[in-house]
Amino acid sequence: MKRFLLPLVAISLLFVSCASTPTETAEQNAEAQEKMDQAFEEVYNHFDQVLIMDGAKDYKVKSGDTLSSIAKDFYGKDNGYYFPMIMLASSQTILDPDMIEPGMVLTIPDLQKNLNDSSAHQNMKKFFQEIADVYKTKKTATAKKTREELQKIASKL
């Protein structure tokens, strides 16, 4: 009996200890999100009023939308990583690109008008680099790839 009881107890303790060590609590998640929102807000405030908003359109978020998919719809299939322009224009609605929800109304600035204007163009270059820097601390599955793509855009602008 002892021969069977000891391994059973050891296995039970292993399962209990694994189950009782959560990696992050809801409070830690909320704190991390608050810090991320603050980082995005600082960048948006720094670049407030730099986009040309002539010809901007409103877009109501639908279920299944992502900012990349919205950017592709408005800016072309190869321009999904231009979504920070939408975030900057919509910063009064939402701060974190990963937190859009159906029903939100986002402002979509005209990409070409902003690329053609020398002042807006220069500001976009700096803006994309700063947003890429925020992504260094973002802990999502796609954060590294997003940061790299935003840095590529900043270097090309």
C-alpha atoms as a PDB file:
ATOM      1  CA  MET A   1       0.000   0.000   0.000  1.00  0.00           C
ATOM      2  CA  LYS A   2       2.820   2.410   0.862  1.00  0.00           C
ATOM      3  CA  ARG A   3       4.357   1.660  -2.490  1.00  0.00           C
ATOM      4  CA  PHE A   4       1.282   3.042  -4.292  1.00  0.00           C
ATOM      5  CA  LEU A   5       0.392   5.799  -1.854  1.00  0.00           C
ATOM      6  CA  LEU A   6       3.699   7.683  -1.965  1.00  0.00           C
ATOM      7  CA  PRO A   7       3.793   8.169  -5.765  1.00  0.00           C
ATOM      8  CA  LEU A   8       0.114   9.117  -5.725  1.00  0.00           C
ATOM      9  CA  VAL A   9       0.721  11.819  -3.117  1.00  0.00           C
ATOM     10  CA  ALA A  10       3.750  13.126  -5.022  1.00  0.00           C
ATOM     11  CA  ILE A  11       1.790  13.376  -8.269  1.00  0.00           C
ATOM     12  CA  SER A  12      -1.112  15.088  -6.474  1.00  0.00           C
ATOM     13  CA  LEU A  13       1.227  17.683  -4.959  1.00  0.00           C
ATOM     14  CA  LEU A  14       2.759  18.342  -8.362  1.00  0.00           C
ATOM     15  CA  PHE A  15      -0.668  19.051  -9.917  1.00  0.00           C
ATOM     16  CA  VAL A  16      -1.736  21.259  -7.013  1.00  0.00           C
ATOM     17  CA  SER A  17       1.469  23.309  -7.089  1.00  0.00           C
ATOM     18  CA  CYS A  18       1.252  23.811 -10.874  1.00  0.00           C
ATOM     19  CA  ALA A  19      -2.390  24.822 -10.699  1.00  0.00           C
ATOM     20  CA  SER A  20      -1.879  27.267  -7.852  1.00  0.00           C
ATOM     21  CA  THR A  21       0.852  29.423  -9.423  1.00  0.00           C
ATOM     22  CA  PRO A  22      -0.878  31.778 -11.876  1.00  0.00           C
ATOM     23  CA  THR A  23       1.514  33.615 -14.171  1.00  0.00           C
ATOM     24  CA  GLU A  24      -0.343  36.919 -13.936  1.00  0.00           C
ATOM     25  CA  THR A  25      -3.256  38.066 -11.902  1.00  0.00           C
ATOM     26  CA  ALA A  26      -6.103  40.197 -13.178  1.00  0.00           C
ATOM     27  CA  GLU A  27      -4.646  43.081 -11.169  1.00  0.00           C
ATOM     28  CA  GLN A  28      -1.263  42.721 -12.878  1.00  0.00           C
ATOM     29  CA  ASN A  29      -2.976  42.599 -16.273  1.00  0.00           C
ATOM     30  CA  ALA A  30      -4.917  45.773 -15.478  1.00  0.00           C
ATOM     31  CA  GLU A  31      -1.721  47.534 -14.343  1.00  0.00           C
ATOM     32  CA  ALA A  32       0.119  46.489 -17.495  1.00  0.00           C
ATOM     33  CA  GLN A  33      -2.761  47.708 -19.676  1.00  0.00           C
ATOM     34  CA  GLU A  34      -2.846  51.032 -17.829  1.00  0.00           C
ATOM     35  CA  LYS A  35       0.898  51.525 -18.406  1.00  0.00           C
ATOM     36  CA  MET A  36       0.484  50.628 -22.066  1.00  0.00           C
ATOM     37  CA  ASP A  37      -2.415  53.079 -22.436  1.00  0.00           C
ATOM     38  CA  GLN A  38      -0.288  55.800 -20.819  1.00  0.00           C
ATOM     39  CA  ALA A  39       2.595  55.116 -23.193  1.00  0.00           C
ATOM     40  CA  PHE A  40       0.306  55.309 -26.227  1.00  0.00           C
ATOM     41  CA  GLU A  41      -1.370  58.453 -24.876  1.00  0.00           C
ATOM     42  CA  GLU A  42       1.985  60.209 -24.415  1.00  0.00           C
ATOM     43  CA  VAL A  43       2.911  59.541 -28.037  1.00  0.00           C
ATOM     44  CA  TYR A  44      -0.525  60.613 -29.301  1.00  0.00           C
ATOM     45  CA  ASN A  45      -0.358  63.826 -27.263  1.00  0.00           C
ATOM     46  CA  HIS A  46       3.098  64.582 -28.631  1.00  0.00           C
ATOM     47  CA  PHE A  47       1.876  64.218 -32.219  1.00  0.00           C
ATOM     48  CA  ASP A  48      -1.586  65.723 -31.737  1.00  0.00           C
ATOM     49  CA  GLN A  49      -2.558  67.956 -34.656  1.00  0.00           C
ATOM     50  CA  VAL A  50       0.183  66.768 -37.047  1.00  0.00           C
ATOM     51  CA  LEU A  51      -2.017  64.807 -39.436  1.00  0.00           C
ATOM     52  CA  ILE A  52      -3.850  66.414 -42.296  1.00  0.00           C
ATOM     53  CA  MET A  53      -7.473  65.594 -41.625  1.00  0.00           C
ATOM     54  CA  ASP A  54      -8.940  66.937 -44.892  1.00  0.00           C
ATOM     55  CA  GLY A  55     -10.792  64.058 -46.505  1.00  0.00           C
ATOM     56  CA  ALA A  56     -10.779  61.937 -43.345  1.00  0.00           C
ATOM     57  CA  LYS A  57     -13.590  59.393 -43.083  1.00  0.00           C
ATOM     58  CA  ASP A  58     -15.408  57.862 -40.164  1.00  0.00           C
ATOM     59  CA  TYR A  59     -15.576  54.087 -39.836  1.00  0.00           C
ATOM     60  CA  LYS A  60     -17.727  52.095 -37.441  1.00  0.00           C
ATOM     61  CA  VAL A  61     -15.866  49.009 -36.187  1.00  0.00           C
ATOM     62  CA  LYS A  62     -17.551  45.697 -36.950  1.00  0.00           C
ATOM     63  CA  SER A  63     -17.122  42.342 -35.253  1.00  0.00           C
ATOM     64  CA  GLY A  64     -13.919  40.677 -36.463  1.00  0.00           C
ATOM     65  CA  ASP A  65     -12.207  43.930 -37.466  1.00  0.00           C
ATOM     66  CA  THR A  66      -8.607  44.612 -36.554  1.00  0.00           C
ATOM     67  CA  LEU A  67      -6.827  47.889 -37.080  1.00  0.00           C
ATOM     68  CA  SER A  68      -4.626  46.209 -39.666  1.00  0.00           C
ATOM     69  CA  SER A  69      -7.627  44.960 -41.610  1.00  0.00           C
ATOM     70  CA  ILE A  70      -9.220  48.415 -41.491  1.00  0.00           C
ATOM     71  CA  ALA A  71      -5.951  50.017 -42.664  1.00  0.00           C
ATOM     72  CA  LYS A  72      -5.752  47.512 -45.531  1.00  0.00           C
ATOM     73  CA  ASP A  73      -9.333  48.314 -46.548  1.00  0.00           C
ATOM     74  CA  PHE A  74      -8.648  52.064 -46.662  1.00  0.00           C
ATOM     75  CA  TYR A  75      -4.941  52.228 -47.561  1.00  0.00           C
ATOM     76  CA  GLY A  76      -4.393  49.108 -49.688  1.00  0.00           C
ATOM     77  CA  LYS A  77      -3.645  45.466 -48.959  1.00  0.00           C
ATOM     78  CA  ASP A  78       0.085  46.096 -48.462  1.00  0.00           C
ATOM     79  CA  ASN A  79      -0.446  48.959 -46.006  1.00  0.00           C
ATOM     80  CA  GLY A  80      -1.940  47.232 -42.972  1.00  0.00           C
ATOM     81  CA  TYR A  81       0.862  48.490 -40.733  1.00  0.00           C
ATOM     82  CA  TYR A  82      -0.184  52.083 -41.360  1.00  0.00           C
ATOM     83  CA  PHE A  83      -2.840  51.544 -38.669  1.00  0.00           C
ATOM     84  CA  PRO A  84      -1.093  53.962 -36.222  1.00  0.00           C
ATOM     85  CA  MET A  85      -2.380  56.828 -38.355  1.00  0.00           C
ATOM     86  CA  ILE A  86      -5.902  55.652 -37.585  1.00  0.00           C
ATOM     87  CA  MET A  87      -5.006  55.396 -33.902  1.00  0.00           C
ATOM     88  CA  LEU A  88      -3.590  58.919 -33.844  1.00  0.00           C
ATOM     89  CA  ALA A  89      -6.674  60.320 -35.568  1.00  0.00           C
ATOM     90  CA  SER A  90      -8.909  58.296 -33.223  1.00  0.00           C
ATOM     91  CA  SER A  91      -6.972  58.733 -29.964  1.00  0.00           C
ATOM     92  CA  GLN A  92     -10.004  60.314 -28.293  1.00  0.00           C
ATOM     93  CA  THR A  93     -11.858  57.037 -28.891  1.00  0.00           C
ATOM     94  CA  ILE A  94      -9.250  54.375 -28.133  1.00  0.00           C
ATOM     95  CA  LEU A  95      -5.610  54.277 -27.038  1.00  0.00           C
ATOM     96  CA  ASP A  96      -4.405  50.693 -27.503  1.00  0.00           C
ATOM     97  CA  PRO A  97      -4.655  49.273 -31.030  1.00  0.00           C
ATOM     98  CA  ASP A  98      -5.494  45.846 -29.630  1.00  0.00           C
ATOM     99  CA  MET A  99      -8.515  47.155 -27.747  1.00  0.00           C
ATOM    100  CA  ILE A 100     -10.912  48.169 -30.519  1.00  0.00           C
ATOM    101  CA  GLU A 101     -14.465  46.937 -30.146  1.00  0.00           C
ATOM    102  CA  PRO A 102     -17.478  46.697 -32.452  1.00  0.00           C
ATOM    103  CA  GLY A 103     -19.482  49.914 -32.496  1.00  0.00           C
ATOM    104  CA  MET A 104     -16.518  52.247 -31.961  1.00  0.00           C
ATOM    105  CA  VAL A 105     -16.257  54.995 -34.543  1.00  0.00           C
ATOM    106  CA  LEU A 106     -12.714  55.544 -35.779  1.00  0.00           C
ATOM    107  CA  THR A 107     -11.385  58.395 -37.890  1.00  0.00           C
ATOM    108  CA  ILE A 108      -9.483  57.346 -41.003  1.00  0.00           C
ATOM    109  CA  PRO A 109      -7.137  60.075 -42.280  1.00  0.00           C
ATOM    110  CA  ASP A 110      -6.217  60.188 -45.963  1.00  0.00           C
ATOM    111  CA  LEU A 111      -2.861  58.392 -46.247  1.00  0.00           C
ATOM    112  CA  GLN A 112      -1.833  59.906 -49.564  1.00  0.00           C
ATOM    113  CA  LYS A 113      -2.531  63.493 -48.470  1.00  0.00           C
ATOM    114  CA  ASN A 114      -0.352  62.955 -45.404  1.00  0.00           C
ATOM    115  CA  LEU A 115       2.442  61.347 -47.416  1.00  0.00           C
ATOM    116  CA  ASN A 116       2.376  64.175 -49.969  1.00  0.00           C
ATOM    117  CA  ASP A 117       2.641  66.960 -47.386  1.00  0.00           C
ATOM    118  CA  SER A 118       6.296  67.438 -46.356  1.00  0.00           C
ATOM    119  CA  SER A 119       5.527  68.495 -42.777  1.00  0.00           C
ATOM    120  CA  ALA A 120       3.026  65.697 -42.150  1.00  0.00           C
ATOM    121  CA  HIS A 121       5.399  63.245 -43.819  1.00  0.00           C
ATOM    122  CA  GLN A 122       8.284  64.153 -41.481  1.00  0.00           C
ATOM    123  CA  ASN A 123       6.043  63.975 -38.435  1.00  0.00           C
ATOM    124  CA  MET A 124       4.735  60.567 -39.515  1.00  0.00           C
ATOM    125  CA  LYS A 125       8.306  59.262 -39.672  1.00  0.00           C
ATOM    126  CA  LYS A 126       8.928  60.302 -36.050  1.00  0.00           C
ATOM    127  CA  PHE A 127       5.485  59.140 -34.963  1.00  0.00           C
ATOM    128  CA  PHE A 128       5.916  55.637 -36.403  1.00  0.00           C
ATOM    129  CA  GLN A 129       9.289  55.287 -34.679  1.00  0.00           C
ATOM    130  CA  GLU A 130       7.838  56.322 -31.312  1.00  0.00           C
ATOM    131  CA  ILE A 131       4.901  53.916 -31.688  1.00  0.00           C
ATOM    132  CA  ALA A 132       7.404  51.167 -32.557  1.00  0.00           C
ATOM    133  CA  ASP A 133       9.232  52.004 -29.316  1.00  0.00           C
ATOM    134  CA  VAL A 134       6.002  51.569 -27.347  1.00  0.00           C
ATOM    135  CA  TYR A 135       5.700  48.095 -28.861  1.00  0.00           C
ATOM    136  CA  LYS A 136       9.003  47.119 -27.197  1.00  0.00           C
ATOM    137  CA  THR A 137       7.109  46.814 -23.908  1.00  0.00           C
ATOM    138  CA  LYS A 138       3.866  45.414 -25.294  1.00  0.00           C
ATOM    139  CA  LYS A 139       3.473  41.757 -24.419  1.00  0.00           C
ATOM    140  CA  THR A 140       1.303  40.279 -27.128  1.00  0.00           C
ATOM    141  CA  ALA A 141       2.025  37.471 -29.531  1.00  0.00           C
ATOM    142  CA  THR A 142       2.390  39.873 -32.462  1.00  0.00           C
ATOM    143  CA  ALA A 143       4.169  42.799 -30.745  1.00  0.00           C
ATOM    144  CA  LYS A 144       7.676  42.011 -32.022  1.00  0.00           C
ATOM    145  CA  LYS A 145       6.554  41.652 -35.648  1.00  0.00           C
ATOM    146  CA  THR A 146       4.463  44.826 -35.387  1.00  0.00           C
ATOM    147  CA  ARG A 147       7.408  46.762 -33.921  1.00  0.00           C
ATOM    148  CA  GLU A 148       9.673  45.576 -36.758  1.00  0.00           C
ATOM    149  CA  GLU A 149       7.125  46.543 -39.431  1.00  0.00           C
ATOM    150  CA  LEU A 150       6.566  49.980 -37.883  1.00  0.00           C
ATOM    151  CA  GLN A 151      10.325  50.551 -37.777  1.00  0.00           C
ATOM    152  CA  LYS A 152      10.548  49.606 -41.481  1.00  0.00           C
ATOM    153  CA  ILE A 153       7.857  52.149 -42.307  1.00  0.00           C
ATOM    154  CA  ALA A 154       9.618  54.835 -40.244  1.00  0.00           C
ATOM    155  CA  SER A 155      12.909  54.172 -42.022  1.00  0.00           C
ATOM    156  CA  LYS A 156      11.232  54.383 -45.462  1.00  0.00           C
ATOM    157  CA  LEU A 157       9.297  57.587 -44.792  1.00  0.00           C
END
